[in-house]
Amino acid sequence: SVEVTIAEQNVPITIQLQQSAEQLRGTIQGSFGSAEIADGRINPDDTFRFSASVTTQGLTREAVFEGTITGNRMAGTVTVTGMGALPFSGTKP
């Protein structure tokens, strides 16, 4: 369960991740619909990066998530083409 801050509003999304060694796979789901995670990697220092295609304002755009996992918490930024970098944070249920 993650919230992305867009224009001072928290927008909830769900990220489901599966880790195999340093590779991350899974899906993200929210008001933009559902998307498969691509190019997902987690590093030994618990930083991660993955991308997904999302639909916002009627356009499909690439969203690149980068951040850190600490215990059950995840935080970082998502950079959406045409929208810039947006902060997100959340916890594992």
N, C-alpha and C. Protein backbone atom coordinates (compact mmCIF):
# COMPACT_ATOMS: atom_id res chain seq x y z
N SER A 1 0.86 -1.18 0.00
CA SER A 1 0.00 0.00 0.00
C SER A 1 0.89 1.23 0.00
N VAL A 2 0.79 2.02 -1.05
CA VAL A 2 1.65 3.18 -1.25
C VAL A 2 0.79 4.39 -1.58
N GLU A 3 1.24 5.55 -1.16
CA GLU A 3 0.58 6.81 -1.55
C GLU A 3 1.58 7.67 -2.30
N VAL A 4 1.15 8.15 -3.48
CA VAL A 4 1.94 9.07 -4.28
C VAL A 4 1.36 10.46 -4.07
N THR A 5 2.20 11.44 -3.78
CA THR A 5 1.73 12.81 -3.58
C THR A 5 1.73 13.55 -4.91
N ILE A 6 0.53 13.91 -5.36
CA ILE A 6 0.34 14.64 -6.61
C ILE A 6 -0.44 15.90 -6.30
N ALA A 7 0.15 17.06 -6.57
CA ALA A 7 -0.50 18.35 -6.32
C ALA A 7 -1.06 18.41 -4.90
N GLU A 8 -0.24 18.05 -3.94
CA GLU A 8 -0.57 18.09 -2.51
C GLU A 8 -1.71 17.15 -2.11
N GLN A 9 -2.01 16.17 -2.96
CA GLN A 9 -3.01 15.15 -2.63
C GLN A 9 -2.32 13.79 -2.63
N ASN A 10 -2.70 12.94 -1.66
CA ASN A 10 -2.17 11.58 -1.60
C ASN A 10 -3.04 10.65 -2.41
N VAL A 11 -2.46 10.02 -3.42
CA VAL A 11 -3.17 9.10 -4.30
C VAL A 11 -2.73 7.68 -3.97
N PRO A 12 -3.66 6.81 -3.54
CA PRO A 12 -3.28 5.45 -3.16
C PRO A 12 -3.05 4.56 -4.38
N ILE A 13 -2.01 3.73 -4.30
CA ILE A 13 -1.78 2.68 -5.28
C ILE A 13 -1.33 1.43 -4.54
N THR A 14 -1.46 0.31 -5.20
CA THR A 14 -1.01 -0.96 -4.65
C THR A 14 0.11 -1.48 -5.53
N ILE A 15 1.22 -1.83 -4.90
CA ILE A 15 2.35 -2.40 -5.62
C ILE A 15 2.54 -3.82 -5.10
N GLN A 16 2.51 -4.78 -6.00
CA GLN A 16 2.78 -6.17 -5.63
C GLN A 16 4.11 -6.56 -6.27
N LEU A 17 5.08 -6.92 -5.43
CA LEU A 17 6.42 -7.26 -5.91
C LEU A 17 6.78 -8.69 -5.58
N GLN A 18 7.49 -9.32 -6.49
CA GLN A 18 8.12 -10.60 -6.24
C GLN A 18 9.60 -10.42 -6.54
N GLN A 19 10.44 -10.90 -5.63
CA GLN A 19 11.87 -10.76 -5.79
C GLN A 19 12.50 -12.12 -6.07
N SER A 20 13.37 -12.17 -7.07
CA SER A 20 14.16 -13.35 -7.39
C SER A 20 15.59 -12.85 -7.57
N ALA A 21 16.44 -13.12 -6.55
CA ALA A 21 17.80 -12.55 -6.49
C ALA A 21 17.65 -11.03 -6.55
N GLU A 22 18.27 -10.36 -7.52
CA GLU A 22 18.14 -8.90 -7.58
C GLU A 22 17.05 -8.43 -8.53
N GLN A 23 16.32 -9.35 -9.14
CA GLN A 23 15.26 -8.99 -10.07
C GLN A 23 13.92 -8.81 -9.34
N LEU A 24 13.19 -7.74 -9.71
CA LEU A 24 11.85 -7.48 -9.19
C LEU A 24 10.84 -7.63 -10.32
N ARG A 25 9.74 -8.30 -10.03
CA ARG A 25 8.61 -8.43 -10.96
C ARG A 25 7.35 -8.13 -10.19
N GLY A 26 6.27 -7.88 -10.91
CA GLY A 26 5.00 -7.66 -10.24
C GLY A 26 4.09 -6.72 -10.99
N THR A 27 3.17 -6.09 -10.25
CA THR A 27 2.19 -5.19 -10.84
C THR A 27 1.99 -3.97 -9.94
N ILE A 28 1.48 -2.91 -10.55
CA ILE A 28 1.00 -1.76 -9.79
C ILE A 28 -0.45 -1.54 -10.20
N GLN A 29 -1.25 -1.03 -9.27
CA GLN A 29 -2.67 -0.83 -9.55
C GLN A 29 -3.14 0.41 -8.81
N GLY A 30 -3.95 1.21 -9.50
CA GLY A 30 -4.49 2.43 -8.89
C GLY A 30 -5.52 3.05 -9.79
N SER A 31 -5.75 4.33 -9.62
CA SER A 31 -6.76 5.03 -10.41
C SER A 31 -6.43 5.05 -11.90
N PHE A 32 -5.18 4.80 -12.26
CA PHE A 32 -4.73 4.77 -13.65
C PHE A 32 -4.93 3.39 -14.28
N GLY A 33 -5.41 2.43 -13.50
CA GLY A 33 -5.57 1.06 -13.97
C GLY A 33 -4.49 0.17 -13.39
N SER A 34 -4.19 -0.91 -14.10
CA SER A 34 -3.19 -1.87 -13.66
C SER A 34 -2.08 -1.96 -14.69
N ALA A 35 -0.85 -2.18 -14.24
CA ALA A 35 0.27 -2.28 -15.17
C ALA A 35 1.31 -3.26 -14.64
N GLU A 36 1.98 -3.93 -15.57
CA GLU A 36 3.07 -4.83 -15.23
C GLU A 36 4.34 -4.03 -14.98
N ILE A 37 5.12 -4.48 -14.01
CA ILE A 37 6.40 -3.86 -13.71
C ILE A 37 7.43 -4.37 -14.71
N ALA A 38 8.27 -3.46 -15.20
CA ALA A 38 9.34 -3.82 -16.13
C ALA A 38 10.67 -3.34 -15.57
N ASP A 39 11.73 -3.96 -15.99
CA ASP A 39 13.10 -3.55 -15.64
C ASP A 39 13.30 -3.39 -14.14
N GLY A 40 12.71 -4.26 -13.34
CA GLY A 40 12.80 -4.13 -11.89
C GLY A 40 14.07 -4.73 -11.32
N ARG A 41 14.75 -3.96 -10.45
CA ARG A 41 15.97 -4.43 -9.80
C ARG A 41 16.02 -3.91 -8.37
N ILE A 42 16.55 -4.76 -7.47
CA ILE A 42 16.83 -4.33 -6.10
C ILE A 42 18.31 -4.56 -5.86
N ASN A 43 18.96 -3.60 -5.22
CA ASN A 43 20.39 -3.64 -4.99
C ASN A 43 20.70 -4.13 -3.58
N PRO A 44 21.94 -4.54 -3.32
CA PRO A 44 22.31 -5.01 -1.99
C PRO A 44 22.07 -3.99 -0.88
N ASP A 45 22.06 -2.68 -1.22
CA ASP A 45 21.82 -1.65 -0.20
C ASP A 45 20.32 -1.35 -0.02
N ASP A 46 19.46 -2.23 -0.54
CA ASP A 46 17.99 -2.12 -0.45
C ASP A 46 17.40 -0.96 -1.23
N THR A 47 18.15 -0.39 -2.18
CA THR A 47 17.57 0.57 -3.11
C THR A 47 16.98 -0.22 -4.28
N PHE A 48 15.95 0.33 -4.91
CA PHE A 48 15.30 -0.38 -6.01
C PHE A 48 14.93 0.59 -7.11
N ARG A 49 14.63 0.02 -8.27
CA ARG A 49 14.18 0.79 -9.43
C ARG A 49 13.34 -0.13 -10.29
N PHE A 50 12.19 0.37 -10.76
CA PHE A 50 11.39 -0.35 -11.74
C PHE A 50 10.55 0.65 -12.50
N SER A 51 10.03 0.24 -13.64
CA SER A 51 9.18 1.12 -14.44
C SER A 51 7.87 0.41 -14.77
N ALA A 52 6.90 1.21 -15.16
CA ALA A 52 5.60 0.69 -15.58
C ALA A 52 4.94 1.73 -16.47
N SER A 53 4.10 1.30 -17.39
CA SER A 53 3.33 2.22 -18.22
C SER A 53 2.01 2.50 -17.51
N VAL A 54 1.72 3.78 -17.29
CA VAL A 54 0.48 4.17 -16.62
C VAL A 54 -0.31 5.13 -17.52
N THR A 55 -1.61 5.16 -17.33
CA THR A 55 -2.46 6.06 -18.11
C THR A 55 -2.94 7.18 -17.20
N THR A 56 -2.54 8.41 -17.53
CA THR A 56 -2.98 9.60 -16.79
C THR A 56 -3.44 10.64 -17.79
N GLN A 57 -4.50 11.31 -17.47
CA GLN A 57 -5.05 12.36 -18.32
C GLN A 57 -5.24 11.88 -19.76
N GLY A 58 -5.64 10.61 -19.92
CA GLY A 58 -5.91 10.04 -21.23
C GLY A 58 -4.68 9.65 -22.03
N LEU A 59 -3.49 9.79 -21.45
CA LEU A 59 -2.24 9.45 -22.15
C LEU A 59 -1.51 8.34 -21.41
N THR A 60 -0.88 7.45 -22.16
CA THR A 60 -0.04 6.42 -21.55
C THR A 60 1.37 6.98 -21.42
N ARG A 61 1.89 6.91 -20.19
CA ARG A 61 3.20 7.49 -19.89
C ARG A 61 4.04 6.48 -19.12
N GLU A 62 5.35 6.63 -19.21
CA GLU A 62 6.24 5.77 -18.43
C GLU A 62 6.41 6.37 -17.03
N ALA A 63 6.30 5.51 -16.03
CA ALA A 63 6.54 5.90 -14.64
C ALA A 63 7.72 5.08 -14.13
N VAL A 64 8.75 5.78 -13.62
CA VAL A 64 9.94 5.12 -13.10
C VAL A 64 9.98 5.33 -11.59
N PHE A 65 9.88 4.23 -10.85
CA PHE A 65 9.92 4.24 -9.39
C PHE A 65 11.34 3.98 -8.93
N GLU A 66 11.84 4.82 -8.03
CA GLU A 66 13.15 4.63 -7.42
C GLU A 66 13.02 4.91 -5.94
N GLY A 67 13.64 4.07 -5.11
CA GLY A 67 13.52 4.31 -3.68
C GLY A 67 14.31 3.30 -2.87
N THR A 68 13.91 3.22 -1.59
CA THR A 68 14.58 2.35 -0.63
C THR A 68 13.54 1.56 0.14
N ILE A 69 13.87 0.31 0.43
CA ILE A 69 13.04 -0.53 1.28
C ILE A 69 13.76 -0.70 2.60
N THR A 70 13.07 -0.38 3.71
CA THR A 70 13.62 -0.55 5.05
C THR A 70 12.58 -1.31 5.87
N GLY A 71 12.86 -2.57 6.17
CA GLY A 71 11.87 -3.38 6.89
C GLY A 71 10.60 -3.51 6.06
N ASN A 72 9.47 -3.08 6.63
CA ASN A 72 8.19 -3.12 5.92
C ASN A 72 7.83 -1.80 5.25
N ARG A 73 8.77 -0.84 5.22
CA ARG A 73 8.50 0.48 4.63
C ARG A 73 9.22 0.66 3.30
N MET A 74 8.58 1.40 2.41
CA MET A 74 9.12 1.73 1.10
C MET A 74 8.91 3.22 0.89
N ALA A 75 9.93 3.91 0.37
CA ALA A 75 9.80 5.34 0.09
C ALA A 75 10.72 5.71 -1.05
N GLY A 76 10.35 6.77 -1.78
CA GLY A 76 11.19 7.24 -2.87
C GLY A 76 10.44 8.22 -3.74
N THR A 77 10.81 8.23 -5.02
CA THR A 77 10.15 9.10 -5.99
C THR A 77 9.72 8.28 -7.21
N VAL A 78 8.65 8.73 -7.82
CA VAL A 78 8.22 8.17 -9.10
C VAL A 78 8.28 9.31 -10.10
N THR A 79 9.01 9.11 -11.18
CA THR A 79 9.14 10.11 -12.23
C THR A 79 8.24 9.69 -13.38
N VAL A 80 7.23 10.52 -13.64
CA VAL A 80 6.27 10.24 -14.70
C VAL A 80 6.53 11.19 -15.85
N THR A 81 6.68 10.65 -17.05
CA THR A 81 6.95 11.46 -18.23
C THR A 81 5.93 12.60 -18.31
N GLY A 82 6.41 13.82 -18.40
CA GLY A 82 5.54 14.98 -18.51
C GLY A 82 5.01 15.52 -17.20
N MET A 83 5.27 14.83 -16.08
CA MET A 83 4.75 15.27 -14.78
C MET A 83 5.86 15.52 -13.77
N GLY A 84 7.07 15.08 -14.04
CA GLY A 84 8.18 15.27 -13.12
C GLY A 84 8.23 14.20 -12.03
N ALA A 85 9.05 14.46 -11.02
CA ALA A 85 9.27 13.52 -9.91
C ALA A 85 8.26 13.78 -8.80
N LEU A 86 7.63 12.71 -8.34
CA LEU A 86 6.61 12.79 -7.29
C LEU A 86 7.00 11.86 -6.15
N PRO A 87 6.90 12.31 -4.89
CA PRO A 87 7.28 11.46 -3.77
C PRO A 87 6.21 10.40 -3.51
N PHE A 88 6.67 9.23 -3.02
CA PHE A 88 5.74 8.20 -2.58
C PHE A 88 6.32 7.52 -1.34
N SER A 89 5.41 6.92 -0.57
CA SER A 89 5.82 6.13 0.59
C SER A 89 4.68 5.19 0.94
N GLY A 90 5.04 4.11 1.64
CA GLY A 90 4.02 3.16 2.04
C GLY A 90 4.59 2.04 2.88
N THR A 91 3.71 1.11 3.22
CA THR A 91 4.10 -0.02 4.06
C THR A 91 3.58 -1.32 3.49
N LYS A 92 4.23 -2.39 3.85
CA LYS A 92 3.78 -3.73 3.48
C LYS A 92 2.73 -4.16 4.49
N PRO A 93 1.53 -4.57 4.01
CA PRO A 93 0.49 -4.97 4.96
C PRO A 93 0.85 -6.23 5.72
